[in-house]
N, C-alpha and C. Protein backbone atom coordinates (compact mmCIF):
# COMPACT_ATOMS: atom_id res chain seq x y z
N MET A 1 92.18 -96.61 226.72
CA MET A 1 91.88 -98.03 227.19
C MET A 1 90.50 -98.36 226.71
N ASN A 2 90.45 -99.54 226.07
CA ASN A 2 88.98 -99.96 225.52
C ASN A 2 88.31 -100.86 226.40
N LYS A 3 87.16 -100.47 227.01
CA LYS A 3 86.63 -101.16 228.07
C LYS A 3 85.64 -102.07 227.31
N LYS A 4 85.40 -103.36 227.85
CA LYS A 4 84.42 -104.19 227.33
C LYS A 4 83.28 -104.19 228.21
N TYR A 5 82.00 -104.41 227.64
CA TYR A 5 80.85 -104.39 228.39
C TYR A 5 80.08 -105.67 228.17
N ALA A 6 79.46 -106.23 229.18
CA ALA A 6 78.41 -107.33 228.98
C ALA A 6 77.05 -106.81 229.48
N VAL A 7 76.08 -107.09 228.62
CA VAL A 7 74.68 -106.69 229.05
C VAL A 7 73.95 -108.02 229.16
N PHE A 8 73.26 -108.08 230.21
CA PHE A 8 72.36 -109.30 230.65
C PHE A 8 70.93 -108.77 230.36
N THR A 9 70.19 -109.61 229.62
CA THR A 9 68.85 -109.36 229.51
C THR A 9 68.14 -110.78 229.56
N MET A 10 66.75 -110.66 229.77
CA MET A 10 65.86 -111.91 229.75
C MET A 10 64.65 -111.54 229.10
N ASP A 11 64.01 -112.28 228.16
CA ASP A 11 62.68 -112.16 227.64
C ASP A 11 61.70 -112.94 228.59
N VAL A 12 61.08 -112.11 229.43
CA VAL A 12 60.18 -112.83 230.36
C VAL A 12 58.80 -113.18 229.61
N GLU A 13 58.70 -114.31 229.38
CA GLU A 13 57.62 -114.94 228.56
C GLU A 13 57.22 -116.33 228.80
N ALA A 14 55.95 -116.70 228.58
CA ALA A 14 55.54 -118.07 228.88
C ALA A 14 56.03 -118.83 227.61
N PHE A 15 56.14 -120.17 227.73
CA PHE A 15 56.42 -120.94 226.45
C PHE A 15 55.08 -121.02 225.68
N SER A 16 53.84 -120.69 226.15
CA SER A 16 52.75 -120.74 225.24
C SER A 16 52.64 -119.38 224.55
N ASP A 17 53.56 -118.41 224.85
CA ASP A 17 53.52 -117.10 224.27
C ASP A 17 54.29 -117.29 222.85
N THR A 18 55.05 -118.12 222.70
CA THR A 18 55.96 -118.29 221.57
C THR A 18 55.10 -118.63 220.30
N GLU A 19 55.34 -118.09 219.26
CA GLU A 19 54.55 -118.28 218.09
C GLU A 19 54.63 -119.92 217.80
N CYS A 20 55.61 -120.52 217.88
CA CYS A 20 55.55 -121.95 217.16
C CYS A 20 54.56 -122.80 218.09
N ILE A 21 54.62 -122.54 219.55
CA ILE A 21 53.79 -123.33 220.27
C ILE A 21 52.34 -122.90 220.07
N ARG A 22 52.03 -121.53 220.05
CA ARG A 22 50.71 -121.04 219.88
C ARG A 22 50.07 -121.57 218.62
N ALA A 23 50.83 -121.63 217.49
CA ALA A 23 50.26 -121.90 216.17
C ALA A 23 50.07 -123.34 216.18
N SER A 24 50.86 -124.21 216.80
CA SER A 24 50.54 -125.67 216.85
C SER A 24 49.36 -126.13 217.50
N GLY A 25 48.95 -125.34 218.41
CA GLY A 25 47.65 -125.81 219.34
C GLY A 25 48.13 -126.74 220.35
N ASN A 26 49.42 -127.18 220.40
CA ASN A 26 49.71 -128.12 221.33
C ASN A 26 49.92 -127.41 222.69
N ARG A 27 49.81 -128.31 223.89
CA ARG A 27 50.03 -127.83 225.12
C ARG A 27 51.26 -128.29 225.61
N THR A 28 52.02 -127.74 226.51
CA THR A 28 53.35 -128.38 226.95
C THR A 28 53.24 -128.18 228.49
N GLU A 29 53.98 -129.11 229.10
CA GLU A 29 54.18 -129.02 230.57
C GLU A 29 55.40 -128.12 230.90
N GLU A 30 56.30 -128.03 229.85
CA GLU A 30 57.54 -127.19 229.89
C GLU A 30 57.05 -125.72 230.22
N GLU A 31 57.77 -124.92 230.92
CA GLU A 31 57.57 -123.57 230.96
C GLU A 31 58.93 -122.80 230.92
N LEU A 32 58.82 -121.75 230.14
CA LEU A 32 60.13 -120.98 229.99
C LEU A 32 60.49 -120.30 231.31
N LEU A 33 59.44 -120.00 232.09
CA LEU A 33 59.76 -119.21 233.47
C LEU A 33 60.20 -120.04 234.45
N ASP A 34 60.49 -121.46 234.08
CA ASP A 34 61.11 -122.40 235.31
C ASP A 34 62.41 -121.87 235.55
N GLY A 35 63.23 -121.18 234.87
CA GLY A 35 64.50 -120.77 235.48
C GLY A 35 64.45 -119.29 235.66
N PHE A 36 63.41 -118.77 235.79
CA PHE A 36 63.41 -117.20 236.06
C PHE A 36 64.14 -117.00 237.34
N ASP A 37 63.61 -117.77 238.41
CA ASP A 37 64.21 -117.34 239.84
C ASP A 37 65.71 -117.73 240.05
N ARG A 38 66.15 -118.77 239.14
CA ARG A 38 67.39 -119.14 239.19
C ARG A 38 68.33 -118.27 238.75
N TYR A 39 67.76 -117.60 237.37
CA TYR A 39 68.61 -116.59 236.70
C TYR A 39 68.85 -115.24 237.64
N ILE A 40 67.78 -114.95 238.17
CA ILE A 40 67.87 -113.73 239.03
C ILE A 40 68.67 -113.88 240.29
N SER A 41 68.62 -115.17 240.87
CA SER A 41 69.58 -115.53 242.01
C SER A 41 70.94 -115.44 241.60
N LEU A 42 71.22 -115.99 240.46
CA LEU A 42 72.87 -116.02 240.06
C LEU A 42 73.20 -114.53 239.81
N LEU A 43 72.54 -113.70 239.14
CA LEU A 43 72.76 -112.40 238.93
C LEU A 43 72.96 -111.66 240.15
N ASP A 44 72.13 -111.95 241.20
CA ASP A 44 72.09 -111.26 242.55
C ASP A 44 73.32 -111.71 243.31
N ARG A 45 73.63 -112.92 243.19
CA ARG A 45 74.85 -113.36 243.80
C ARG A 45 76.10 -112.64 243.41
N TYR A 46 76.17 -112.20 242.12
CA TYR A 46 77.37 -111.57 241.70
C TYR A 46 77.07 -110.10 241.44
N GLY A 47 76.14 -109.50 241.95
CA GLY A 47 75.81 -108.14 241.82
C GLY A 47 75.65 -107.61 240.37
N ILE A 48 75.03 -108.43 239.58
CA ILE A 48 74.80 -108.14 238.15
C ILE A 48 73.27 -107.74 237.98
N LYS A 49 73.09 -106.53 237.36
CA LYS A 49 71.77 -106.23 237.02
C LYS A 49 71.39 -106.58 235.55
N SER A 50 70.10 -106.87 235.36
CA SER A 50 69.63 -107.19 234.08
C SER A 50 68.44 -106.43 233.66
N THR A 51 68.07 -106.44 232.40
CA THR A 51 66.86 -105.80 232.01
C THR A 51 65.92 -107.05 231.66
N LEU A 52 64.81 -106.93 232.20
CA LEU A 52 63.78 -107.98 231.90
C LEU A 52 62.71 -107.47 231.00
N PHE A 53 62.87 -107.97 229.73
CA PHE A 53 61.75 -107.61 228.69
C PHE A 53 60.55 -108.36 228.90
N THR A 54 59.59 -107.97 229.45
CA THR A 54 58.42 -108.60 229.90
C THR A 54 57.26 -108.56 229.00
N VAL A 55 56.65 -109.61 228.67
CA VAL A 55 55.33 -109.51 227.95
C VAL A 55 54.22 -109.00 228.91
N GLY A 56 53.51 -107.76 228.37
CA GLY A 56 52.55 -107.16 229.23
C GLY A 56 51.52 -108.01 229.68
N LYS A 57 51.02 -108.91 228.94
CA LYS A 57 49.74 -109.65 229.63
C LYS A 57 50.23 -110.67 230.68
N LEU A 58 51.60 -111.02 230.68
CA LEU A 58 52.11 -111.90 231.88
C LEU A 58 52.47 -111.08 233.02
N ALA A 59 52.80 -109.92 232.97
CA ALA A 59 53.22 -108.98 234.09
C ALA A 59 52.34 -109.24 235.34
N PRO A 60 50.98 -109.14 235.09
CA PRO A 60 50.09 -109.12 236.36
C PRO A 60 50.24 -110.40 237.12
N GLN A 61 50.50 -111.66 236.41
CA GLN A 61 50.69 -113.02 237.00
C GLN A 61 52.02 -112.97 237.70
N MET A 62 53.03 -112.07 237.48
CA MET A 62 54.30 -112.06 238.09
C MET A 62 54.50 -110.96 238.92
N THR A 63 53.62 -110.24 239.37
CA THR A 63 53.79 -108.97 240.09
C THR A 63 54.74 -109.02 241.13
N ASP A 64 54.56 -109.96 242.12
CA ASP A 64 55.57 -109.93 243.27
C ASP A 64 56.88 -110.21 242.88
N ARG A 65 57.10 -111.26 242.08
CA ARG A 65 58.35 -111.60 241.57
C ARG A 65 59.02 -110.39 240.90
N LEU A 66 58.47 -109.77 240.00
CA LEU A 66 59.03 -108.69 239.24
C LEU A 66 59.17 -107.43 240.28
N ARG A 67 58.48 -107.04 241.13
CA ARG A 67 58.54 -106.06 242.01
C ARG A 67 59.89 -106.42 242.95
N ARG A 68 60.13 -107.64 243.32
CA ARG A 68 61.24 -107.88 244.00
C ARG A 68 62.52 -107.74 243.01
N CYS A 69 62.43 -107.95 241.86
CA CYS A 69 63.57 -107.82 240.87
C CYS A 69 63.77 -106.23 240.65
N ILE A 70 62.80 -105.42 240.64
CA ILE A 70 62.93 -104.09 240.58
C ILE A 70 63.60 -103.39 241.68
N ARG A 71 63.12 -103.82 242.94
CA ARG A 71 63.69 -103.39 244.23
C ARG A 71 65.16 -103.78 244.30
N LYS A 72 65.55 -104.82 243.65
CA LYS A 72 67.07 -105.13 243.64
C LYS A 72 67.81 -104.59 242.65
N GLY A 73 67.32 -103.64 241.87
CA GLY A 73 68.00 -102.88 240.95
C GLY A 73 67.83 -103.36 239.49
N HIS A 74 67.14 -104.54 239.15
CA HIS A 74 66.94 -104.71 237.69
C HIS A 74 65.93 -103.87 237.06
N ARG A 75 65.97 -103.84 235.86
CA ARG A 75 65.13 -102.97 235.11
C ARG A 75 64.01 -103.65 234.47
N LEU A 76 62.88 -103.03 234.07
CA LEU A 76 61.69 -103.68 233.50
C LEU A 76 61.46 -102.98 232.13
N ALA A 77 61.33 -103.77 231.17
CA ALA A 77 61.15 -103.23 229.82
C ALA A 77 60.15 -104.07 229.16
N LEU A 78 59.52 -103.52 228.11
CA LEU A 78 58.34 -104.17 227.45
C LEU A 78 58.83 -105.17 226.37
N HIS A 79 58.11 -106.20 226.34
CA HIS A 79 58.39 -107.32 225.03
C HIS A 79 56.95 -107.50 224.44
N SER A 80 56.28 -106.50 224.34
CA SER A 80 54.98 -106.35 223.68
C SER A 80 53.88 -106.68 224.55
N TYR A 81 52.58 -106.55 224.20
CA TYR A 81 51.52 -106.86 225.22
C TYR A 81 51.37 -108.40 225.17
N ASP A 82 51.31 -109.06 224.07
CA ASP A 82 50.95 -110.38 224.03
C ASP A 82 51.84 -111.32 223.08
N HIS A 83 53.11 -110.96 222.82
CA HIS A 83 54.13 -111.61 222.09
C HIS A 83 53.60 -111.89 220.76
N ILE A 84 53.12 -110.99 220.03
CA ILE A 84 52.88 -111.12 218.64
C ILE A 84 53.90 -110.34 217.76
N ALA A 85 54.42 -110.80 216.71
CA ALA A 85 55.44 -110.18 216.03
C ALA A 85 54.80 -108.82 215.48
N PRO A 86 55.48 -107.66 215.72
CA PRO A 86 54.95 -106.45 215.40
C PRO A 86 54.78 -106.27 213.82
N MET A 87 55.56 -107.11 212.87
CA MET A 87 55.26 -106.96 211.39
C MET A 87 54.04 -107.72 211.07
N THR A 88 53.41 -108.42 211.96
CA THR A 88 52.17 -108.91 211.39
C THR A 88 50.88 -108.18 211.96
N GLN A 89 51.37 -107.01 212.59
CA GLN A 89 50.29 -105.99 213.02
C GLN A 89 50.19 -104.78 212.21
N SER A 90 49.28 -104.14 212.08
CA SER A 90 49.23 -102.78 211.26
C SER A 90 49.98 -101.81 212.26
N PRO A 91 50.50 -100.80 211.75
CA PRO A 91 51.22 -99.80 212.55
C PRO A 91 50.24 -99.31 213.72
N GLU A 92 48.86 -99.02 213.35
CA GLU A 92 47.94 -98.53 214.31
C GLU A 92 47.84 -99.55 215.47
N GLN A 93 47.71 -100.87 215.15
CA GLN A 93 47.47 -101.94 216.18
C GLN A 93 48.78 -101.89 217.21
N PHE A 94 50.07 -101.81 216.48
CA PHE A 94 51.25 -101.83 217.16
C PHE A 94 51.11 -100.71 218.26
N ARG A 95 50.87 -99.41 217.63
CA ARG A 95 50.93 -98.30 218.53
C ARG A 95 50.06 -98.59 219.72
N GLU A 96 48.82 -98.96 219.33
CA GLU A 96 47.89 -98.99 220.45
C GLU A 96 48.15 -100.16 221.51
N GLN A 97 48.51 -101.10 221.09
CA GLN A 97 48.91 -102.31 222.14
C GLN A 97 50.29 -101.97 222.88
N THR A 98 51.08 -101.29 222.12
CA THR A 98 52.29 -100.96 222.85
C THR A 98 52.19 -100.06 223.85
N GLN A 99 51.38 -98.93 223.70
CA GLN A 99 51.17 -97.92 224.57
C GLN A 99 50.19 -98.49 225.65
N GLN A 100 49.22 -99.17 225.47
CA GLN A 100 48.46 -99.95 226.50
C GLN A 100 49.33 -100.75 227.46
N ALA A 101 50.20 -101.55 226.88
CA ALA A 101 50.99 -102.44 227.71
C ALA A 101 51.96 -101.60 228.44
N ARG A 102 52.60 -100.49 227.80
CA ARG A 102 53.53 -99.68 228.70
C ARG A 102 52.84 -98.95 229.92
N THR A 103 51.61 -98.45 229.65
CA THR A 103 50.88 -97.77 230.65
C THR A 103 50.54 -98.84 231.74
N GLN A 104 50.14 -99.91 231.46
CA GLN A 104 49.72 -101.03 232.48
C GLN A 104 51.01 -101.28 233.17
N MET A 105 52.16 -101.66 232.70
CA MET A 105 53.26 -101.95 233.38
C MET A 105 53.93 -100.78 234.25
N SER A 106 53.79 -99.68 233.83
CA SER A 106 54.28 -98.52 234.39
C SER A 106 53.50 -98.33 235.77
N GLN A 107 52.13 -98.44 235.53
CA GLN A 107 51.18 -98.23 236.74
C GLN A 107 51.36 -99.54 237.76
N LEU A 108 51.38 -100.62 237.09
CA LEU A 108 51.49 -101.80 238.21
C LEU A 108 52.75 -101.90 238.93
N PHE A 109 53.92 -101.44 238.40
CA PHE A 109 55.18 -101.61 238.98
C PHE A 109 55.54 -100.21 239.43
N ASN A 110 54.86 -99.13 239.23
CA ASN A 110 55.36 -97.81 239.62
C ASN A 110 56.76 -97.48 239.15
N THR A 111 57.07 -97.62 237.89
CA THR A 111 58.34 -97.55 237.51
C THR A 111 58.28 -97.05 235.83
N GLN A 112 59.21 -96.39 235.49
CA GLN A 112 59.35 -95.96 233.94
C GLN A 112 59.71 -97.29 233.37
N VAL A 113 58.83 -97.53 232.07
CA VAL A 113 59.37 -98.44 231.09
C VAL A 113 59.68 -97.73 229.98
N GLU A 114 61.06 -97.79 229.86
CA GLU A 114 61.74 -96.82 228.75
C GLU A 114 62.17 -97.72 227.62
N GLY A 115 62.11 -99.09 227.69
CA GLY A 115 62.71 -99.91 226.66
C GLY A 115 61.72 -100.94 226.15
N PHE A 116 62.17 -101.43 224.81
CA PHE A 116 61.24 -102.39 224.25
C PHE A 116 62.05 -103.45 223.41
N ARG A 117 61.73 -104.57 223.38
CA ARG A 117 62.19 -105.58 222.42
C ARG A 117 61.05 -106.26 221.77
N ALA A 118 61.10 -106.37 220.34
CA ALA A 118 60.09 -106.83 219.63
C ALA A 118 60.12 -108.39 219.59
N PRO A 119 58.89 -109.03 219.71
CA PRO A 119 58.97 -110.58 219.75
C PRO A 119 59.38 -110.91 218.27
N CYS A 120 60.32 -111.82 218.12
CA CYS A 120 60.73 -112.30 216.82
C CYS A 120 61.60 -111.36 216.33
N PHE A 121 62.14 -110.24 217.01
CA PHE A 121 62.98 -109.24 216.66
C PHE A 121 62.35 -108.60 215.32
N SER A 122 61.11 -108.47 215.22
CA SER A 122 60.17 -108.12 214.15
C SER A 122 59.85 -106.67 214.24
N ILE A 123 60.92 -105.89 213.79
CA ILE A 123 60.49 -104.41 213.80
C ILE A 123 61.06 -103.74 212.50
N ASP A 124 60.42 -102.71 212.18
CA ASP A 124 60.91 -101.93 211.02
C ASP A 124 60.97 -100.55 211.36
N ARG A 125 61.52 -99.71 210.59
CA ARG A 125 61.77 -98.35 210.90
C ARG A 125 60.51 -97.56 211.31
N GLN A 126 59.35 -97.95 210.68
CA GLN A 126 58.13 -97.21 210.93
C GLN A 126 57.57 -97.48 212.43
N ARG A 127 57.79 -98.83 212.80
CA ARG A 127 57.42 -99.20 214.17
C ARG A 127 58.48 -98.66 215.09
N LEU A 128 59.62 -98.70 214.80
CA LEU A 128 60.73 -98.07 215.62
C LEU A 128 60.44 -96.48 215.83
N ASP A 129 59.95 -95.82 214.93
CA ASP A 129 59.57 -94.38 215.01
C ASP A 129 58.36 -94.40 215.89
N ILE A 130 57.43 -95.25 215.94
CA ILE A 130 56.37 -95.25 216.92
C ILE A 130 56.84 -95.42 218.35
N LEU A 131 57.81 -96.04 218.49
CA LEU A 131 58.45 -96.38 219.88
C LEU A 131 58.92 -95.10 220.39
N LYS A 132 59.60 -94.37 219.43
CA LYS A 132 60.22 -93.11 219.69
C LYS A 132 59.09 -92.03 220.02
N GLU A 133 58.14 -91.89 219.10
CA GLU A 133 56.93 -91.01 219.55
C GLU A 133 56.20 -91.37 220.83
N LEU A 134 56.24 -92.48 221.26
CA LEU A 134 55.53 -92.90 222.42
C LEU A 134 56.41 -92.64 223.76
N GLY A 135 57.53 -92.23 223.39
CA GLY A 135 58.48 -91.95 224.53
C GLY A 135 59.56 -92.91 225.14
N PHE A 136 59.56 -93.95 224.33
CA PHE A 136 60.55 -94.97 224.71
C PHE A 136 62.02 -94.50 224.59
N ARG A 137 63.00 -94.81 225.24
CA ARG A 137 64.31 -94.37 225.16
C ARG A 137 65.06 -95.23 224.36
N TYR A 138 64.89 -96.47 224.42
CA TYR A 138 65.80 -97.40 223.68
C TYR A 138 64.85 -98.70 223.08
N ASP A 139 65.34 -99.40 222.19
CA ASP A 139 64.91 -100.60 221.59
C ASP A 139 66.00 -101.58 221.34
N SER A 140 65.76 -102.86 221.67
CA SER A 140 66.61 -103.94 221.49
C SER A 140 66.21 -105.02 220.62
N SER A 141 65.79 -104.62 219.22
CA SER A 141 65.34 -105.63 218.46
C SER A 141 66.05 -105.77 217.20
N HIS A 142 67.19 -105.01 216.92
CA HIS A 142 67.90 -105.11 215.75
C HIS A 142 68.83 -106.41 215.68
N LEU A 143 68.35 -107.34 214.81
CA LEU A 143 68.94 -108.66 214.83
C LEU A 143 70.11 -108.65 213.74
N GLY A 144 70.10 -107.92 212.66
CA GLY A 144 71.27 -107.87 211.79
C GLY A 144 71.26 -108.74 210.67
N PHE A 145 70.30 -109.67 210.59
CA PHE A 145 69.95 -110.61 209.49
C PHE A 145 68.61 -110.85 209.37
N THR A 146 68.23 -111.02 208.11
CA THR A 146 66.88 -111.05 207.72
C THR A 146 66.25 -112.49 207.54
N LYS A 147 66.92 -113.53 207.82
CA LYS A 147 66.63 -114.86 207.60
C LYS A 147 65.73 -115.36 208.55
N ALA A 148 65.33 -114.82 209.77
CA ALA A 148 64.51 -115.08 210.85
C ALA A 148 63.11 -114.79 210.37
N ARG A 149 62.12 -115.57 210.75
CA ARG A 149 60.63 -115.38 210.22
C ARG A 149 60.12 -113.96 210.89
N HIS A 150 59.58 -113.26 210.05
CA HIS A 150 58.87 -111.78 210.35
C HIS A 150 60.15 -110.83 210.69
N THR A 151 61.26 -111.01 210.18
CA THR A 151 62.30 -110.05 210.34
C THR A 151 62.68 -109.37 209.13
N VAL A 152 62.71 -108.12 209.14
CA VAL A 152 62.95 -107.39 207.90
C VAL A 152 64.28 -106.51 208.46
N GLU A 153 64.92 -106.01 207.26
CA GLU A 153 66.19 -105.09 207.50
C GLU A 153 65.83 -103.90 208.15
N LEU A 154 66.28 -103.56 209.36
CA LEU A 154 66.00 -102.38 210.13
C LEU A 154 66.88 -101.29 209.48
N ASP A 155 66.33 -100.29 209.00
CA ASP A 155 67.13 -98.94 208.51
C ASP A 155 67.45 -98.27 209.51
N LEU A 156 68.88 -98.24 209.82
CA LEU A 156 69.53 -97.54 210.88
C LEU A 156 70.44 -96.41 210.27
N ASP A 157 70.25 -96.20 208.94
CA ASP A 157 71.21 -95.09 208.25
C ASP A 157 71.26 -93.88 208.85
N SER A 158 70.17 -93.38 209.53
CA SER A 158 70.39 -92.14 210.02
C SER A 158 70.83 -92.08 211.35
N PHE A 159 71.07 -93.21 212.06
CA PHE A 159 71.49 -93.38 213.31
C PHE A 159 73.13 -93.30 213.30
N ARG A 160 73.66 -92.94 214.38
CA ARG A 160 75.13 -92.87 214.55
C ARG A 160 75.52 -94.33 215.25
N GLN A 161 76.42 -94.92 214.89
CA GLN A 161 76.86 -96.06 215.68
C GLN A 161 77.86 -95.64 216.64
N VAL A 162 77.62 -95.85 217.96
CA VAL A 162 78.51 -95.37 219.05
C VAL A 162 79.30 -96.45 219.74
N ARG A 163 78.96 -97.72 219.50
CA ARG A 163 79.74 -98.90 219.88
C ARG A 163 79.29 -100.04 218.92
N SER A 164 80.05 -100.97 218.81
CA SER A 164 79.64 -102.31 218.01
C SER A 164 78.17 -102.67 218.55
N ASN A 165 77.36 -102.59 217.61
CA ASN A 165 75.86 -102.93 217.85
C ASN A 165 74.98 -102.16 218.60
N VAL A 166 75.53 -100.85 218.73
CA VAL A 166 74.75 -99.80 219.57
C VAL A 166 74.64 -98.59 218.70
N TYR A 167 73.54 -98.07 218.44
CA TYR A 167 73.35 -97.04 217.53
C TYR A 167 72.45 -95.92 218.17
N GLN A 168 72.49 -94.67 217.89
CA GLN A 168 71.97 -93.60 218.69
C GLN A 168 71.40 -92.60 217.61
N GLN A 169 70.25 -92.02 217.90
CA GLN A 169 69.68 -90.83 217.11
C GLN A 169 68.72 -89.99 218.05
N ASP A 170 69.13 -88.68 218.29
CA ASP A 170 68.47 -87.91 219.03
C ASP A 170 67.94 -88.40 220.36
N GLY A 171 68.87 -89.11 221.07
CA GLY A 171 68.78 -89.46 222.46
C GLY A 171 67.92 -90.86 222.34
N PHE A 172 67.64 -91.38 221.31
CA PHE A 172 67.08 -92.85 221.25
C PHE A 172 68.07 -93.69 220.79
N TYR A 173 68.13 -94.84 221.57
CA TYR A 173 69.15 -95.97 221.03
C TYR A 173 68.56 -97.31 220.71
N GLU A 174 69.47 -97.71 219.65
CA GLU A 174 69.12 -99.17 219.30
C GLU A 174 70.14 -100.04 219.62
N PHE A 175 69.71 -101.05 220.45
CA PHE A 175 70.74 -102.11 220.79
C PHE A 175 70.62 -103.35 220.08
N GLY A 176 71.62 -103.68 219.17
CA GLY A 176 71.66 -104.81 218.32
C GLY A 176 71.82 -106.08 219.21
N ILE A 177 71.34 -107.28 218.82
CA ILE A 177 71.51 -108.41 219.43
C ILE A 177 72.83 -109.22 219.05
N SER A 178 73.70 -109.47 220.09
CA SER A 178 74.82 -110.12 219.82
C SER A 178 74.62 -111.32 218.85
N ARG A 179 75.65 -111.55 217.89
CA ARG A 179 75.38 -112.68 217.03
C ARG A 179 77.11 -113.01 216.77
N GLN A 180 77.11 -114.32 216.32
CA GLN A 180 78.32 -114.89 215.96
C GLN A 180 78.22 -115.71 214.57
N LYS A 181 79.22 -115.41 213.75
CA LYS A 181 79.21 -116.33 212.55
C LYS A 181 79.91 -117.59 212.99
N LEU A 182 79.25 -118.79 212.39
CA LEU A 182 79.89 -120.08 212.68
C LEU A 182 79.50 -120.79 211.53
N PHE A 183 80.43 -121.36 210.76
CA PHE A 183 80.26 -122.22 209.54
C PHE A 183 79.57 -121.37 208.51
N GLY A 184 79.66 -120.00 208.41
CA GLY A 184 79.14 -119.41 207.37
C GLY A 184 77.51 -118.69 207.94
N CYS A 185 77.12 -119.15 208.92
CA CYS A 185 75.74 -118.82 209.44
C CYS A 185 75.88 -117.81 210.71
N SER A 186 74.90 -117.04 210.84
CA SER A 186 74.80 -116.16 211.94
C SER A 186 74.05 -116.94 213.10
N PHE A 187 74.64 -116.74 214.23
CA PHE A 187 73.72 -117.43 215.38
C PHE A 187 73.58 -116.37 216.63
């Protein structure tokens, strides 16, 4: 019998964290977090758990909300310290900021932070190996196409595919982002 799975995740980030808004210098009254509580409420109503990929510098501002989510069984994962595409950082900068953010969030929420998702899905094998060295158990940044800004082809040749879009190597998992082809383009 083939089971089907649905995985629910959310990138917990402010609108001003996104590269296009930050680079424009514009301010907006819109906020990406406006739907956060509604999303959690819907999931809780149906007993669905989610992984919340959270920007490290945003976490202290959301401590109470995120603690409630963790108590309800949702998982906390890291979405970088300040939402900068890893491929625009040196490997040393990426390592330092990732470790700093992980430590901060683990202490702030008294929980293991085992997962990572790169802003802009911007990760290569060198940075993936850094995540493994830092003790992360999984990453969810594999986009599967390189037309997105800051995205490179992620070398998973030494990984074993265990499910569609799920790869494993030595206890470390890479979860690819779901995508669909429509009119010859990936979405």
